[in-house]
Amino acid sequence: MLMVCTATPGVTKPQCLSSQRKLDQTRKRYGQLIGAMKRAEVKIDPVLAAFRDQVLFLKHNLNAQAIASLHQEMVSVEADIASLIKEMEASIAEADGFIKAMSKA
């Protein structure tokens, strides 16, 4: 979204264009950041729902046989959590990059 720089006292056209480029880059990075955060957000609810289901199941069926049968489900939930953590780490890395880019600007 390149804007036409208008005459502003004390601001040269190259300064204006440079500022506009930085703004455009910041907007693009912000969009990427929001996208990464939304991708991570989408994965939170299913993992939490599975976790809540397992807690409820344990509350109602806390015995040795039930606990033994949960092993495979635990492996699945752990995999979901690991995937969620990776998405969140990617989102955090995107946010860190955005903040660093803003600091340099």
Protein backbone atom coordinates (compact mmCIF):
# COMPACT_ATOMS: atom_id res chain seq x y z
CA MET A 1 0.00 0.00 0.00
CA LEU A 2 2.35 2.66 -1.24
CA MET A 3 1.19 6.15 -0.46
CA VAL A 4 2.16 9.19 -2.48
CA CYS A 5 4.33 11.40 -0.32
CA THR A 6 3.11 14.97 -0.17
CA ALA A 7 5.11 18.06 0.61
CA THR A 8 5.63 18.21 4.36
CA PRO A 9 7.83 20.89 5.84
CA GLY A 10 11.15 19.45 6.98
CA VAL A 11 10.59 16.03 5.39
CA THR A 12 12.27 15.16 2.13
CA LYS A 13 10.66 12.88 -0.42
CA PRO A 14 13.30 10.13 0.16
CA GLN A 15 12.60 10.32 3.91
CA CYS A 16 8.89 10.09 3.28
CA LEU A 17 9.30 7.10 0.94
CA SER A 18 11.61 5.38 3.42
CA SER A 19 9.09 5.92 6.18
CA GLN A 20 6.29 4.57 3.98
CA ARG A 21 8.36 1.47 3.10
CA LYS A 22 8.97 0.82 6.81
CA LEU A 23 5.27 1.21 7.52
CA ASP A 24 4.37 -1.20 4.72
CA GLN A 25 6.93 -3.74 5.96
CA THR A 26 5.63 -3.40 9.51
CA ARG A 27 2.06 -3.98 8.35
CA LYS A 28 3.15 -7.07 6.40
CA ARG A 29 5.06 -8.48 9.39
CA TYR A 30 2.12 -7.71 11.67
CA GLY A 31 -0.17 -9.62 9.31
CA GLN A 32 2.21 -12.59 9.43
CA LEU A 33 2.30 -12.38 13.21
CA ILE A 34 -1.49 -12.35 13.47
CA GLY A 35 -1.66 -15.29 11.07
CA ALA A 36 0.78 -17.34 13.16
CA MET A 37 -1.13 -16.51 16.32
CA LYS A 38 -4.45 -17.51 14.75
CA ARG A 39 -3.02 -20.83 13.53
CA ALA A 40 -1.87 -21.59 17.09
CA GLU A 41 -5.20 -20.43 18.54
CA VAL A 42 -7.17 -22.83 16.35
CA LYS A 43 -5.26 -25.77 17.81
CA ILE A 44 -5.76 -24.83 21.45
CA ASP A 45 -9.46 -25.73 21.82
CA PRO A 46 -9.24 -29.31 20.48
CA VAL A 47 -6.28 -30.09 22.75
CA LEU A 48 -7.99 -28.57 25.77
CA ALA A 49 -11.22 -30.41 24.98
CA ALA A 50 -9.39 -33.75 24.84
CA PHE A 51 -7.61 -32.90 28.06
CA ARG A 52 -10.92 -32.01 29.79
CA ASP A 53 -12.45 -35.26 28.53
CA GLN A 54 -9.58 -37.25 30.00
CA VAL A 55 -9.83 -35.47 33.36
CA LEU A 56 -13.57 -36.13 33.47
CA PHE A 57 -13.03 -39.77 32.55
CA LEU A 58 -10.46 -40.17 35.32
CA LYS A 59 -12.78 -38.57 37.85
CA HIS A 60 -15.50 -41.11 37.07
CA ASN A 61 -13.44 -44.22 36.43
CA LEU A 62 -10.39 -44.02 38.65
CA ASN A 63 -9.30 -47.64 38.91
CA ALA A 64 -6.27 -49.63 37.82
CA GLN A 65 -7.88 -51.11 34.71
CA ALA A 66 -9.15 -47.75 33.49
CA ILE A 67 -5.77 -46.11 34.08
CA ALA A 68 -4.00 -48.90 32.18
CA SER A 69 -6.38 -48.49 29.22
CA LEU A 70 -5.57 -44.79 29.03
CA HIS A 71 -1.97 -45.31 27.97
CA GLN A 72 -2.70 -45.04 24.23
CA GLU A 73 -4.94 -42.03 24.80
CA MET A 74 -2.21 -40.41 26.89
CA VAL A 75 0.26 -40.89 24.04
CA SER A 76 -2.22 -39.25 21.66
CA VAL A 77 -2.87 -36.32 24.01
CA GLU A 78 0.88 -35.87 24.54
CA ALA A 79 1.37 -35.73 20.76
CA ASP A 80 -1.41 -33.13 20.48
CA ILE A 81 0.18 -31.08 23.24
CA ALA A 82 3.61 -31.33 21.61
CA SER A 83 2.11 -30.12 18.32
CA LEU A 84 0.38 -27.25 20.10
CA ILE A 85 3.62 -26.27 21.81
CA LYS A 86 5.41 -26.19 18.45
CA GLU A 87 2.69 -23.95 16.99
CA MET A 88 2.86 -21.66 20.01
CA GLU A 89 6.67 -21.53 19.79
CA ALA A 90 6.39 -20.60 16.11
CA SER A 91 3.90 -17.89 17.02
CA ILE A 92 6.20 -16.62 19.77
CA ALA A 93 9.15 -16.61 17.37
CA GLU A 94 7.08 -14.63 14.88
CA ALA A 95 6.17 -12.15 17.62
CA ASP A 96 9.82 -11.87 18.69
CA GLY A 97 10.86 -11.20 15.10
CA PHE A 98 8.18 -8.56 14.80
CA ILE A 99 9.33 -6.87 18.01
CA LYS A 100 12.98 -6.97 16.92
CA ALA A 101 12.05 -5.51 13.54
CA MET A 102 10.12 -2.74 15.27
CA SER A 103 13.11 -2.03 17.55
CA LYS A 104 15.40 -1.62 14.53
CA ALA A 105 13.00 0.69 12.74
